[in-house]
Amino acid sequence: MHYWAINKKHFQPQEKMIQMESRRQISIQKQDKFVFFISSYNGIEFDSSSSIEEAELKRTKDGSFLFQAFIKDINEFSEPRLLDDYVYSLLKIYRYKKPNLHFRRPYIAMAEFDYNTIVTGIIFWARTAFGLFINQLPQLEFINFVRQLSESEHDLFLQRASFNRSWSELRKLIEDKYISAAKIFSAIRQTIEVLNKDRGIGVNYNKLQISSDDDTIADSIHKQEILLSQFRDSITFGHNDDNLFDVISMTIRDNEKTENKFEEQFRGLPWPLHETVYL
């Protein structure tokens, strides 16, 4: 048995039958399972699954191949599964910036694990959180993070590395480096405002500068406070100032069994980076 992702546009599904004409032989066979996908303004969407009951491949007069197959009842998903949500949960994907490139052909072979991931709609939360945020770090900060881990948590680079632990370390860095900095810059501004008002020291907060080896960081304390505060606000929501990081970590804990299955499948694979960074 094999597993496939099939583009509806090319296979023209009708009732319980699909067909496609191609210059190449089509290797989909009886009992194979598949998910249907379409391209929309949201990107690639998986909307249903089924399996092959009978399949036939015939030669046409012009020498091409006509594939026809009867399929079992189609299982419509309650809502489309967006490929963008599964970028870090599918073994097949390694082009993290452009995952659509993996689904350019009319039909694509996939691992049984990936097929089940899409059908069940389960996401690898630890790897997804790690992948989303590690790729947003400035390059110098990324390099420092890797060096820090190589000294203190060197086993995270070994074959049995855990994405749950990697995410925890990354979260710690972001909270210490960026969330705390937002509070510090805010406190500096408030202190200067008080001193200007009470003692008339005449310090212009907007002109204060910081020194950094990273040329991607704004040198104005005022600009830094704005950017860091915007980031802090972007991961805070609700009346109780709930933190996105807390929600992610709680979700990982609540889905421990499935997270462990993902860890087993992805063990030994490199970090899901958009670009290669040479240390």
Protein backbone atom coordinates (compact mmCIF):
# COMPACT_ATOMS: atom_id res chain seq x y z
CA MET A 1 0.00 0.00 0.00
CA HIS A 2 1.20 3.49 -0.89
CA TYR A 3 0.10 6.96 0.16
CA TRP A 4 -0.47 9.99 -2.04
CA ALA A 5 -1.51 13.62 -2.17
CA ILE A 6 -3.66 14.13 -5.29
CA ASN A 7 -4.45 17.46 -6.92
CA LYS A 8 -8.18 17.62 -7.62
CA LYS A 9 -7.61 19.92 -10.58
CA HIS A 10 -5.79 17.19 -12.53
CA PHE A 11 -7.77 14.10 -11.52
CA GLN A 12 -11.29 15.40 -12.15
CA PRO A 13 -13.10 13.52 -9.35
CA GLN A 14 -16.65 12.48 -10.32
CA GLU A 15 -18.89 10.58 -7.94
CA LYS A 16 -16.70 7.63 -6.98
CA MET A 17 -14.24 7.84 -9.82
CA ILE A 18 -11.07 9.76 -10.65
CA GLN A 19 -9.18 9.87 -13.91
CA MET A 20 -6.21 11.58 -15.50
CA GLU A 21 -4.40 11.50 -18.83
CA SER A 22 -0.63 11.72 -18.71
CA ARG A 23 2.48 11.22 -20.83
CA ARG A 24 3.97 9.27 -17.94
CA GLN A 25 2.80 6.07 -16.30
CA ILE A 26 0.82 6.69 -13.14
CA SER A 27 1.84 4.36 -10.34
CA ILE A 28 -1.23 4.75 -8.10
CA GLN A 29 -2.64 1.27 -7.45
CA LYS A 30 -5.51 -0.61 -5.87
CA GLN A 31 -5.82 -0.15 -2.07
CA ASP A 32 -3.57 2.93 -2.08
CA LYS A 33 -4.75 5.76 0.16
CA PHE A 34 -4.68 9.46 -0.65
CA VAL A 35 -5.66 12.96 0.38
CA PHE A 36 -7.11 15.47 -2.07
CA PHE A 37 -5.62 18.96 -2.21
CA ILE A 38 -6.40 22.16 -4.08
CA SER A 39 -4.58 25.44 -4.65
CA SER A 40 -6.50 28.45 -3.34
CA TYR A 41 -5.79 32.04 -2.35
CA ASN A 42 -4.84 30.59 1.06
CA GLY A 43 -2.23 28.33 -0.55
CA ILE A 44 -2.39 24.53 -0.60
CA GLU A 45 -5.46 23.11 1.15
CA PHE A 46 -6.14 19.44 1.94
CA ASP A 47 -9.89 18.94 2.05
CA SER A 48 -10.64 15.19 2.01
CA SER A 49 -9.27 11.64 1.88
CA SER A 50 -10.18 8.32 0.29
CA SER A 51 -8.66 5.10 -1.07
CA ILE A 52 -8.51 3.23 -4.38
CA GLU A 53 -10.91 0.30 -4.89
CA GLU A 54 -9.94 -0.52 -8.46
CA ALA A 55 -7.40 1.08 -10.81
CA GLU A 56 -6.75 0.76 -14.52
CA LEU A 57 -4.04 2.24 -16.75
CA LYS A 58 -4.59 2.20 -20.51
CA ARG A 59 -2.69 3.45 -23.55
CA THR A 60 -4.47 6.00 -25.70
CA LYS A 61 -4.16 6.36 -29.47
CA ASP A 62 -1.66 9.20 -29.17
CA GLY A 63 0.60 7.11 -26.94
CA SER A 64 -0.21 8.75 -23.61
CA PHE A 65 -1.65 6.97 -20.56
CA LEU A 66 -5.22 7.18 -19.30
CA PHE A 67 -5.55 6.42 -15.59
CA GLN A 68 -8.99 5.59 -14.22
CA ALA A 69 -9.85 4.46 -10.73
CA PHE A 70 -12.90 3.76 -8.60
CA ILE A 71 -12.56 5.17 -5.11
CA LYS A 72 -14.27 4.55 -1.80
CA ASP A 73 -16.48 7.12 -0.11
CA ILE A 74 -14.70 10.43 0.23
CA ASN A 75 -14.04 11.56 3.80
CA GLU A 76 -14.60 15.32 3.76
CA PHE A 77 -12.62 17.14 6.45
CA SER A 78 -14.65 19.36 8.76
CA GLU A 79 -12.50 22.25 7.56
CA PRO A 80 -9.62 22.50 5.08
CA ARG A 81 -6.18 21.66 6.42
CA LEU A 82 -3.82 24.44 5.29
CA LEU A 83 -0.35 23.29 4.27
CA ASP A 84 1.13 26.36 6.00
CA ASP A 85 -0.10 24.96 9.34
CA TYR A 86 1.72 21.65 8.74
CA VAL A 87 5.07 22.93 7.43
CA TYR A 88 6.93 21.65 10.52
CA SER A 89 4.78 18.54 11.01
CA LEU A 90 5.36 16.72 7.70
CA LEU A 91 8.45 14.60 7.05
CA LYS A 92 8.25 15.40 3.36
CA ILE A 93 8.85 19.13 3.73
CA TYR A 94 12.33 20.63 3.80
CA ARG A 95 11.66 23.83 1.81
CA TYR A 96 10.27 25.65 4.81
CA LYS A 97 9.97 29.07 3.16
CA LYS A 98 8.18 27.69 0.09
CA PRO A 99 6.45 24.42 1.10
CA ASN A 100 4.14 24.66 -1.95
CA LEU A 101 7.08 23.57 -4.10
CA HIS A 102 6.63 20.05 -2.71
CA PHE A 103 3.14 19.90 -4.22
CA ARG A 104 3.66 21.14 -7.77
CA ARG A 105 2.88 17.81 -9.47
CA PRO A 106 -0.58 16.30 -10.05
CA TYR A 107 0.12 13.54 -7.52
CA ILE A 108 2.83 13.24 -4.88
CA ALA A 109 4.00 10.21 -2.95
CA MET A 110 4.05 10.66 0.81
CA ALA A 111 4.97 8.68 3.91
CA GLU A 112 2.22 6.88 5.80
CA PHE A 113 3.03 9.05 8.80
CA ASP A 114 2.47 12.26 6.80
CA TYR A 115 -0.80 10.89 5.41
CA ASN A 116 -2.05 10.13 8.93
CA THR A 117 -0.92 13.55 10.14
CA ILE A 118 -3.05 15.31 7.54
CA VAL A 119 -6.08 13.01 7.94
CA THR A 120 -6.11 13.33 11.74
CA GLY A 121 -5.27 17.05 11.63
CA ILE A 122 -2.63 16.71 14.34
CA ILE A 123 0.25 19.21 14.49
CA PHE A 124 3.74 18.71 15.92
CA TRP A 125 3.49 21.67 18.28
CA ALA A 126 7.04 21.64 19.67
CA ARG A 127 8.70 21.59 16.24
CA THR A 128 6.22 24.11 14.84
CA ALA A 129 6.86 26.61 17.65
CA PHE A 130 10.61 26.06 17.42
CA GLY A 131 10.64 26.40 13.62
CA LEU A 132 8.51 29.56 13.56
CA PHE A 133 10.59 31.44 16.14
CA ILE A 134 14.11 30.16 15.39
CA ASN A 135 13.75 31.48 11.85
CA GLN A 136 12.86 34.95 13.15
CA LEU A 137 16.05 35.39 15.18
CA PRO A 138 18.64 37.86 13.88
CA GLN A 139 21.60 35.89 12.51
CA LEU A 140 24.01 36.97 15.24
CA GLU A 141 21.49 36.01 17.92
CA PHE A 142 20.96 32.65 16.23
CA ILE A 143 24.71 31.98 16.22
CA ASN A 144 24.97 32.92 19.90
CA PHE A 145 22.03 30.63 20.69
CA VAL A 146 23.69 27.68 18.94
CA ARG A 147 27.00 28.29 20.71
CA GLN A 148 25.26 28.56 24.05
CA LEU A 149 23.44 25.26 23.53
CA SER A 150 26.59 23.53 22.28
CA GLU A 151 28.24 24.36 25.62
CA SER A 152 25.38 23.85 28.07
CA GLU A 153 22.97 21.46 26.29
CA HIS A 154 25.23 19.73 23.76
CA ASP A 155 23.04 16.61 23.61
CA LEU A 156 20.39 18.65 21.79
CA PHE A 157 22.62 18.40 18.73
CA LEU A 158 22.79 14.60 18.88
CA GLN A 159 20.60 12.04 17.10
CA ARG A 160 18.12 11.86 19.97
CA ALA A 161 17.58 15.61 20.18
CA SER A 162 14.17 16.65 21.51
CA PHE A 163 12.25 19.46 19.83
CA ASN A 164 10.34 19.95 23.06
CA ARG A 165 13.58 20.71 24.90
CA SER A 166 14.89 22.78 21.98
CA TRP A 167 11.71 24.86 22.07
CA SER A 168 12.02 25.33 25.85
CA GLU A 169 15.58 26.63 25.45
CA LEU A 170 14.55 28.94 22.62
CA ARG A 171 11.60 30.26 24.61
CA LYS A 172 13.93 30.97 27.53
CA LEU A 173 16.24 32.96 25.24
CA ILE A 174 13.39 35.01 23.75
CA GLU A 175 11.89 35.80 27.14
CA ASP A 176 15.26 36.73 28.68
CA LYS A 177 16.55 38.67 25.69
CA TYR A 178 13.47 40.37 24.25
CA ILE A 179 10.55 40.34 26.70
CA SER A 180 12.76 41.43 29.59
CA ALA A 181 14.42 44.08 27.41
CA ALA A 182 11.01 45.56 26.56
CA LYS A 183 10.33 46.01 30.28
CA ILE A 184 13.80 47.49 30.87
CA PHE A 185 13.49 50.05 28.07
CA SER A 186 10.03 50.99 29.27
CA ALA A 187 11.39 51.49 32.80
CA ILE A 188 14.22 53.68 31.42
CA ARG A 189 11.72 55.89 29.61
CA GLN A 190 9.52 56.23 32.68
CA THR A 191 12.52 57.06 34.88
CA ILE A 192 13.74 59.76 32.49
CA GLU A 193 10.26 61.25 32.29
CA VAL A 194 10.13 61.48 36.09
CA LEU A 195 13.62 62.99 36.32
CA ASN A 196 12.85 65.53 33.59
CA LYS A 197 9.65 66.54 35.36
CA ASP A 198 10.93 66.61 38.96
CA ARG A 199 14.52 67.76 38.46
CA GLY A 200 14.55 69.26 35.01
CA ILE A 201 17.63 67.31 33.86
CA GLY A 202 16.68 67.87 30.22
CA VAL A 203 17.52 64.38 28.84
CA ASN A 204 15.96 63.71 25.42
CA TYR A 205 14.91 60.06 25.59
CA ASN A 206 14.31 59.88 21.84
CA LYS A 207 17.98 60.61 21.16
CA LEU A 208 19.49 58.02 23.50
CA GLN A 209 21.51 55.37 21.64
CA ILE A 210 22.66 51.84 22.41
CA SER A 211 25.76 50.05 21.17
CA SER A 212 25.45 46.64 19.50
CA ASP A 213 27.59 44.34 17.34
CA ASP A 214 24.47 43.33 15.44
CA ASP A 215 23.81 45.81 12.63
CA THR A 216 20.23 44.52 12.29
CA ILE A 217 19.32 46.07 15.64
CA ALA A 218 18.11 49.67 15.76
CA ASP A 219 20.54 51.89 17.71
CA SER A 220 17.84 54.13 19.20
CA ILE A 221 16.53 53.10 22.63
CA HIS A 222 13.21 54.68 21.68
CA LYS A 223 12.96 52.54 18.52
CA GLN A 224 14.01 49.45 20.45
CA GLU A 225 11.30 50.02 23.04
CA ILE A 226 8.66 50.38 20.33
CA LEU A 227 9.76 47.22 18.47
CA LEU A 228 10.13 45.10 21.60
CA SER A 229 6.83 46.33 23.03
CA GLN A 230 5.10 45.48 19.75
CA PHE A 231 6.56 41.97 19.91
CA ARG A 232 5.53 41.57 23.56
CA ASP A 233 1.99 42.74 22.73
CA SER A 234 1.82 40.37 19.72
CA ILE A 235 2.21 37.31 21.96
CA THR A 236 -0.14 38.62 24.67
CA PHE A 237 -3.92 38.40 24.39
CA GLY A 238 -7.14 38.24 26.36
CA HIS A 239 -8.31 40.12 29.44
CA ASN A 240 -5.83 38.22 31.63
CA ASP A 241 -2.82 39.03 29.41
CA ASP A 242 -2.44 35.37 28.48
CA ASN A 243 0.93 34.58 26.94
CA LEU A 244 1.19 32.75 23.61
CA PHE A 245 4.26 30.90 24.86
CA ASP A 246 2.34 29.57 27.86
CA VAL A 247 -0.47 28.38 25.57
CA ILE A 248 2.01 26.58 23.29
CA SER A 249 3.79 24.87 26.18
CA MET A 250 0.47 23.87 27.72
CA THR A 251 -0.68 22.43 24.38
CA ILE A 252 2.54 20.39 24.14
CA ARG A 253 1.96 19.00 27.64
CA ASP A 254 -1.71 18.23 26.95
CA ASN A 255 -0.76 16.31 23.79
CA GLU A 256 2.22 14.47 25.25
CA LYS A 257 1.42 11.14 23.61
CA THR A 258 1.17 12.50 20.05
CA GLU A 259 4.14 14.84 20.61
CA ASN A 260 6.25 11.82 21.60
CA LYS A 261 5.21 10.01 18.39
CA PHE A 262 6.31 13.03 16.37
CA GLU A 263 9.60 13.14 18.26
CA GLU A 264 10.29 9.52 17.31
CA GLN A 265 9.61 10.20 13.62
CA PHE A 266 11.69 13.39 13.40
CA ARG A 267 14.57 12.18 15.57
CA GLY A 268 17.90 12.69 13.86
CA LEU A 269 16.61 15.26 11.39
CA PRO A 270 18.27 18.71 11.30
CA TRP A 271 16.66 21.84 12.64
CA PRO A 272 13.97 23.23 10.30
CA LEU A 273 15.85 26.34 9.16
CA HIS A 274 14.92 28.60 6.27
CA GLU A 275 18.55 29.16 5.38
CA THR A 276 21.89 27.51 6.06
CA VAL A 277 23.85 29.45 8.66
CA TYR A 278 27.59 28.88 8.82
CA LEU A 279 29.01 29.27 12.32
